[in-house]
């Protein structure tokens, strides 16, 4: 009686062939012929033969290991016939094909993963608003953005003893101080309630424009060549932003009025390519609308329509009054948010 069996021991990486005979087997007798094929390139392996004798107990009588090697003439000759490179997010692969028989197999090439740059701050966080940072992959160019949390310490207004960070102007004073549009009147003072002069406003707009040079000085006799606002007035005159209170006077130290303020800002916006048009009827809701100078009506209507100014107490505009440093800081922030940011 002869029994045989073949099973795969996948856990241990083996193929087990068993042969049993109730009678003695003559030496040299061929018990079985085993043929194996590979899905990939040939590998050298080994064959272990165990001879068992059944008596009163199952005893290992003999164990012999025979190396199994393939001669080069019998082996496949695999060459890469197709190659797809992996990307940052997707696997690639190589296809190997035998030049002798056409057999083929595929090997996966794992995705590379992104090669991120360091984070770069696009918009710094402030004490009132979150910021934004980004990074990009040097391999595929993908960009990733991330929000920067509000930073309580990023508050330039805190440097000044006369600025209250709980007041309505806080975000505006932070903005003009951070951007360098306005500076303190002293090391620890900003003077938020001081009136803004015509020379100071033109200087602020000049800084906002990047402090460009002007071809020539303005024709105003009350603007000294060495005055801090001289370059700003020359630039503003050349751009049509200021025209003076007369042909020869600019009055740089005169407090600026709200209607003068919005007129200069509207002209600055127009010089930046912003369309400055509005329905003058927007002013009708204000009790003192009829006191607005003719030259300032469209500019003031534009400022009201776009939320740059919100009026004063009692639903008034007070066009001939004064404008404080805190007010201009808030208006400049609104201007940049609405049109220039």
Protein backbone atom coordinates (compact mmCIF):
# COMPACT_ATOMS: atom_id res chain seq x y z
CA UNK A 1 0.00 0.00 0.00
CA UNK A 2 1.38 3.42 -1.07
CA UNK A 3 0.10 6.84 0.02
CA UNK A 4 1.30 10.30 -1.09
CA UNK A 5 0.24 13.87 -0.32
CA UNK A 6 1.29 17.43 -1.20
CA UNK A 7 0.47 20.49 0.86
CA UNK A 8 1.65 24.11 1.16
CA UNK A 9 2.91 25.23 4.55
CA UNK A 10 2.48 28.98 3.88
CA UNK A 11 3.13 29.96 7.48
CA UNK A 12 6.67 28.59 7.33
CA UNK A 13 7.23 29.19 3.64
CA UNK A 14 7.42 25.48 2.68
CA UNK A 15 5.91 22.97 0.28
CA UNK A 16 5.57 19.55 1.96
CA UNK A 17 5.39 16.32 -0.01
CA UNK A 18 4.72 13.10 1.94
CA UNK A 19 5.15 9.53 0.66
CA UNK A 20 4.35 6.44 2.69
CA UNK A 21 4.61 2.75 1.87
CA UNK A 22 3.58 -0.25 3.95
CA UNK A 23 6.33 -2.27 2.34
CA UNK A 24 10.04 -1.76 2.12
CA UNK A 25 11.13 0.49 -0.70
CA UNK A 26 14.08 -0.65 -2.72
CA UNK A 27 17.02 1.69 -2.75
CA UNK A 28 17.12 3.89 -5.87
CA UNK A 29 13.41 3.67 -6.48
CA UNK A 30 11.90 6.95 -7.88
CA UNK A 31 9.15 7.89 -5.52
CA UNK A 32 7.80 11.01 -7.27
CA UNK A 33 8.67 13.80 -9.70
CA UNK A 34 7.90 17.32 -8.41
CA UNK A 35 7.78 20.27 -10.86
CA UNK A 36 7.76 23.88 -9.58
CA UNK A 37 7.25 27.15 -11.45
CA UNK A 38 7.84 30.74 -10.31
CA UNK A 39 5.84 33.89 -10.94
CA UNK A 40 9.00 35.94 -10.56
CA UNK A 41 12.71 35.44 -11.18
CA UNK A 42 14.20 32.05 -10.25
CA UNK A 43 15.66 31.71 -6.81
CA UNK A 44 18.12 29.14 -5.53
CA UNK A 45 16.48 27.02 -2.86
CA UNK A 46 16.89 23.66 -1.16
CA UNK A 47 15.06 20.37 -0.83
CA UNK A 48 15.01 18.52 2.50
CA UNK A 49 14.30 14.76 2.51
CA UNK A 50 13.33 13.09 5.77
CA UNK A 51 13.19 9.30 5.98
CA UNK A 52 10.85 7.99 8.67
CA UNK A 53 10.41 4.45 9.89
CA UNK A 54 7.24 3.42 11.64
CA UNK A 55 7.74 0.98 14.44
CA UNK A 56 6.43 1.24 17.90
CA UNK A 57 7.16 4.96 17.63
CA UNK A 58 7.73 7.49 14.84
CA UNK A 59 11.44 8.11 14.81
CA UNK A 60 13.45 10.42 12.58
CA UNK A 61 15.78 8.02 10.88
CA UNK A 62 17.52 10.27 8.41
CA UNK A 63 17.35 13.85 7.14
CA UNK A 64 19.29 15.09 4.13
CA UNK A 65 19.21 18.55 2.49
CA UNK A 66 19.92 18.86 -1.22
CA UNK A 67 20.58 22.28 -2.78
CA UNK A 68 18.45 23.08 -5.82
CA UNK A 69 20.10 25.55 -8.19
CA UNK A 70 19.12 26.66 -11.62
CA UNK A 71 21.58 26.82 -14.39
CA UNK A 72 21.78 30.17 -16.18
CA UNK A 73 20.65 28.61 -19.41
CA UNK A 74 17.37 27.57 -17.82
CA UNK A 75 16.64 30.80 -15.96
CA UNK A 76 14.41 33.62 -17.16
CA UNK A 77 16.08 36.72 -18.56
CA UNK A 78 13.90 39.49 -17.18
CA UNK A 79 14.23 43.05 -18.45
CA UNK A 80 12.23 46.14 -17.55
CA UNK A 81 9.74 46.73 -20.33
CA UNK A 82 7.58 49.39 -18.67
CA UNK A 83 8.32 51.78 -15.87
CA UNK A 84 5.96 54.24 -14.17
CA UNK A 85 7.69 56.51 -11.69
CA UNK A 86 6.04 56.99 -8.30
CA UNK A 87 4.76 60.44 -7.39
CA UNK A 88 4.40 62.08 -4.03
CA UNK A 89 0.97 60.52 -3.51
CA UNK A 90 0.71 57.55 -5.88
CA UNK A 91 2.70 54.33 -6.25
CA UNK A 92 4.68 53.61 -9.40
CA UNK A 93 5.71 50.25 -10.82
CA UNK A 94 8.16 48.39 -13.05
CA UNK A 95 7.07 45.61 -15.39
CA UNK A 96 9.68 42.87 -15.98
CA UNK A 97 9.34 40.65 -19.05
CA UNK A 98 11.41 37.58 -19.90
CA UNK A 99 13.16 37.97 -23.24
CA UNK A 100 13.07 34.19 -23.71
CA UNK A 101 9.51 33.18 -22.99
CA UNK A 102 7.53 36.40 -22.55
CA UNK A 103 6.66 35.70 -18.91
CA UNK A 104 6.24 38.93 -16.95
CA UNK A 105 5.65 40.26 -13.45
CA UNK A 106 5.27 43.67 -11.82
CA UNK A 107 7.07 45.27 -8.88
CA UNK A 108 5.52 48.20 -7.04
CA UNK A 109 7.50 51.33 -6.31
CA UNK A 110 6.08 53.04 -3.23
CA UNK A 111 4.85 56.65 -3.32
CA UNK A 112 7.61 59.08 -2.37
CA UNK A 113 5.67 61.36 -0.03
CA UNK A 114 5.87 65.15 -0.21
CA UNK A 115 9.19 66.97 0.17
CA UNK A 116 7.81 69.93 2.10
CA UNK A 117 9.66 73.20 2.47
CA UNK A 118 9.76 75.06 5.76
CA UNK A 119 6.61 76.98 6.68
CA UNK A 120 6.56 80.52 5.28
CA UNK A 121 4.41 83.19 6.91
CA UNK A 122 2.10 84.83 4.36
CA UNK A 123 0.04 86.84 6.83
CA UNK A 124 1.31 87.18 10.39
CA UNK A 125 -1.19 86.67 13.18
CA UNK A 126 -2.16 89.69 15.22
CA UNK A 127 -3.76 90.05 18.60
CA UNK A 128 -7.18 90.34 16.92
CA UNK A 129 -6.92 88.22 13.76
CA UNK A 130 -5.49 84.85 12.78
CA UNK A 131 -2.65 84.68 10.28
CA UNK A 132 -1.73 82.31 7.49
CA UNK A 133 1.37 80.33 6.61
CA UNK A 134 2.13 78.04 3.70
CA UNK A 135 4.64 75.51 2.46
CA UNK A 136 5.20 73.81 -0.89
CA UNK A 137 6.50 70.48 -2.14
CA UNK A 138 9.76 70.72 -4.10
CA UNK A 139 8.83 67.61 -6.11
CA UNK A 140 5.26 68.22 -7.27
CA UNK A 141 4.65 71.88 -6.42
CA UNK A 142 1.61 71.22 -4.23
CA UNK A 143 0.98 73.96 -1.69
CA UNK A 144 -0.44 73.54 1.77
CA UNK A 145 -1.75 76.38 3.92
CA UNK A 146 -2.27 76.55 7.65
CA UNK A 147 -3.94 79.03 9.96
CA UNK A 148 -1.76 80.76 12.56
CA UNK A 149 -3.66 81.27 15.82
CA UNK A 150 -4.28 84.75 17.19
CA UNK A 151 -1.15 86.00 18.99
CA UNK A 152 -1.97 88.08 22.08
CA UNK A 153 1.60 89.39 22.13
CA UNK A 154 1.46 90.76 18.57
CA UNK A 155 -0.02 94.06 19.67
CA UNK A 156 2.04 97.17 18.80
CA UNK A 157 -0.54 99.39 20.49
CA UNK A 158 0.57 98.00 23.85
CA UNK A 159 3.82 99.94 23.54
CA UNK A 160 1.99 103.22 24.01
CA UNK A 161 0.67 104.30 27.38
CA UNK A 162 -2.15 106.38 25.90
CA UNK A 163 -3.64 103.63 23.72
CA UNK A 164 -6.44 101.57 25.26
CA UNK A 165 -6.63 98.14 23.60
CA UNK A 166 -10.30 97.83 24.61
CA UNK A 167 -11.31 100.88 22.56
CA UNK A 168 -12.88 100.96 19.08
CA UNK A 169 -9.66 102.19 17.46
CA UNK A 170 -7.48 99.31 18.67
CA UNK A 171 -7.38 97.30 15.42
CA UNK A 172 -6.75 100.49 13.44
CA UNK A 173 -3.84 101.70 15.56
CA UNK A 174 -2.34 98.21 15.49
CA UNK A 175 -2.55 98.29 11.68
CA UNK A 176 -0.92 101.69 11.12
CA UNK A 177 1.81 100.98 13.67
CA UNK A 178 2.56 97.52 12.29
CA UNK A 179 2.73 98.77 8.69
CA UNK A 180 4.67 101.91 9.58
CA UNK A 181 2.01 104.21 8.15
CA UNK A 182 1.84 106.13 11.41
CA UNK A 183 4.24 106.48 14.30
CA UNK A 184 3.99 107.62 17.86
CA UNK A 185 4.24 111.25 18.85
CA UNK A 186 6.72 110.13 21.48
CA UNK A 187 8.39 106.99 22.74
CA UNK A 188 5.33 106.02 24.79
CA UNK A 189 2.61 108.22 23.30
CA UNK A 190 0.46 107.95 20.18
CA UNK A 191 -1.97 110.79 20.93
CA UNK A 192 -5.06 109.05 19.48
CA UNK A 193 -7.33 112.01 20.19
CA UNK A 194 -5.07 114.68 18.72
CA UNK A 195 -6.23 116.27 15.51
CA UNK A 196 -4.51 115.20 12.31
CA UNK A 197 -2.92 117.91 10.20
CA UNK A 198 -2.91 118.18 6.41
CA UNK A 199 0.84 117.58 6.32
CA UNK A 200 0.51 114.48 8.49
CA UNK A 201 -2.22 112.93 6.32
CA UNK A 202 -0.27 113.47 3.10
CA UNK A 203 2.76 111.88 4.77
CA UNK A 204 0.69 108.82 5.73
CA UNK A 205 -0.62 108.43 2.17
CA UNK A 206 2.92 108.88 0.85
CA UNK A 207 4.13 106.00 3.03
CA UNK A 208 1.20 103.87 1.91
CA UNK A 209 2.28 104.43 -1.71
CA UNK A 210 5.82 103.25 -0.90
CA UNK A 211 7.43 106.70 -0.56
CA UNK A 212 8.03 107.28 -4.29
CA UNK A 213 10.08 110.22 -5.51
CA UNK A 214 8.56 113.22 -7.29
CA UNK A 215 10.03 114.93 -10.32
CA UNK A 216 9.89 118.37 -8.76
CA UNK A 217 8.78 120.23 -5.68
CA UNK A 218 5.21 121.44 -5.25
CA UNK A 219 4.55 125.13 -5.96
CA UNK A 220 3.46 125.91 -2.40
CA UNK A 221 5.41 128.67 -0.67
CA UNK A 222 4.45 127.41 2.80
CA UNK A 223 6.10 124.01 2.32
CA UNK A 224 9.72 124.28 3.38
CA UNK A 225 12.14 122.07 1.37
CA UNK A 226 13.46 120.42 4.55
CA UNK A 227 10.08 119.83 6.19
CA UNK A 228 9.25 116.21 7.02
CA UNK A 229 6.25 116.38 4.69
CA UNK A 230 8.01 118.13 1.74
CA UNK A 231 8.59 114.99 -0.34
CA UNK A 232 5.10 113.73 0.44
CA UNK A 233 3.47 117.01 -0.65
CA UNK A 234 5.55 117.08 -3.87
CA UNK A 235 4.47 113.52 -4.68
CA UNK A 236 0.81 114.14 -3.81
CA UNK A 237 0.73 117.29 -5.93
CA UNK A 238 2.28 115.47 -8.92
CA UNK A 239 -0.33 112.70 -8.56
CA UNK A 240 -3.23 115.14 -8.35
CA UNK A 241 -4.04 114.09 -4.80
CA UNK A 242 -3.57 117.59 -3.32
CA UNK A 243 -4.23 120.93 -4.97
CA UNK A 244 -3.63 123.27 -2.08
CA UNK A 245 -6.01 125.69 -0.41
CA UNK A 246 -4.82 128.18 -3.02
CA UNK A 247 -2.40 128.20 -5.92
CA UNK A 248 0.53 128.95 -3.58
CA UNK A 249 -0.60 127.66 -0.18
CA UNK A 250 -0.99 124.17 1.19
CA UNK A 251 -1.38 124.94 4.93
CA UNK A 252 0.45 121.78 6.10
CA UNK A 253 -0.02 122.50 9.81
CA UNK A 254 -3.75 123.16 9.58
CA UNK A 255 -6.02 120.54 11.12
CA UNK A 256 -7.60 118.50 8.36
CA UNK A 257 -11.38 118.38 8.14
CA UNK A 258 -13.34 115.16 7.56
CA UNK A 259 -14.39 116.29 4.06
CA UNK A 260 -10.77 117.12 3.17
CA UNK A 261 -9.71 113.79 4.63
CA UNK A 262 -12.04 111.64 2.53
CA UNK A 263 -11.36 113.76 -0.57
CA UNK A 264 -7.61 113.12 -0.36
CA UNK A 265 -8.18 109.43 0.37
CA UNK A 266 -10.57 109.14 -2.58
CA UNK A 267 -8.01 110.78 -4.88
CA UNK A 268 -5.32 108.44 -3.56
CA UNK A 269 -7.58 105.45 -4.24
CA UNK A 270 -8.25 106.69 -7.78
CA UNK A 271 -4.48 107.05 -8.34
CA UNK A 272 -4.20 103.36 -7.37
CA UNK A 273 -6.68 102.39 -10.07
CA UNK A 274 -9.72 102.09 -7.80
CA UNK A 275 -13.02 103.30 -9.20
CA UNK A 276 -14.27 106.11 -7.01
CA UNK A 277 -17.89 106.72 -7.90
CA UNK A 278 -20.95 106.80 -5.68
CA UNK A 279 -24.54 107.95 -5.49
CA UNK A 280 -24.52 111.32 -3.75
CA UNK A 281 -27.95 110.47 -2.47
CA UNK A 282 -26.20 108.27 0.11
CA UNK A 283 -25.58 111.46 2.09
CA UNK A 284 -29.27 112.28 2.42
CA UNK A 285 -29.59 110.18 5.59
CA UNK A 286 -27.30 112.57 7.48
CA UNK A 287 -28.74 115.65 9.13
CA UNK A 288 -25.95 117.97 7.98
CA UNK A 289 -25.53 116.60 4.44
CA UNK A 290 -26.30 120.02 2.94
CA UNK A 291 -23.21 121.48 4.66
CA UNK A 292 -20.80 119.25 2.71
CA UNK A 293 -18.72 121.27 0.24
CA UNK A 294 -19.48 120.62 -3.41
CA UNK A 295 -15.95 119.37 -4.16
CA UNK A 296 -16.21 116.73 -1.39
CA UNK A 297 -19.72 115.35 -1.96
CA UNK A 298 -18.90 112.47 -4.28
CA UNK A 299 -15.80 111.47 -2.26
CA UNK A 300 -17.77 111.53 0.99
CA UNK A 301 -20.64 109.57 -0.57
CA UNK A 302 -18.11 107.00 -1.81
CA UNK A 303 -16.56 106.76 1.67
CA UNK A 304 -19.99 106.28 3.28
CA UNK A 305 -21.12 103.75 0.67
CA UNK A 306 -18.00 101.62 1.20
CA UNK A 307 -18.03 101.83 5.00
CA UNK A 308 -14.88 103.93 5.32
CA UNK A 309 -16.72 106.48 7.45
CA UNK A 310 -19.81 105.88 9.54
CA UNK A 311 -20.75 109.39 10.58
CA UNK A 312 -20.68 111.05 13.96
CA UNK A 313 -23.13 111.45 16.83
CA UNK A 314 -26.69 112.41 15.98
CA UNK A 315 -26.43 110.96 12.47
CA UNK A 316 -24.15 113.75 11.33
CA UNK A 317 -21.04 113.94 9.14
CA UNK A 318 -19.52 117.13 10.58
CA UNK A 319 -17.68 117.73 7.31
CA UNK A 320 -16.05 120.94 8.49
CA UNK A 321 -14.95 119.60 11.86
CA UNK A 322 -11.69 117.87 12.73
CA UNK A 323 -10.37 114.32 12.36
CA UNK A 324 -8.32 112.58 15.02
CA UNK A 325 -5.31 110.33 14.62
CA UNK A 326 -7.38 107.38 15.87
CA UNK A 327 -10.07 108.08 13.26
CA UNK A 328 -7.62 108.15 10.36
CA UNK A 329 -6.04 104.90 11.63
CA UNK A 330 -9.44 103.20 11.53
CA UNK A 331 -10.28 104.63 8.08
CA UNK A 332 -6.95 103.51 6.61
CA UNK A 333 -7.54 99.97 7.91
CA UNK A 334 -11.01 99.92 6.32
CA UNK A 335 -9.58 101.26 3.05
CA UNK A 336 -6.96 98.53 2.88
CA UNK A 337 -9.41 95.78 3.78
CA UNK A 338 -11.93 96.98 1.19
CA UNK A 339 -9.65 97.81 -1.73
CA UNK A 340 -5.91 97.40 -1.20
CA UNK A 341 -5.37 94.13 0.70
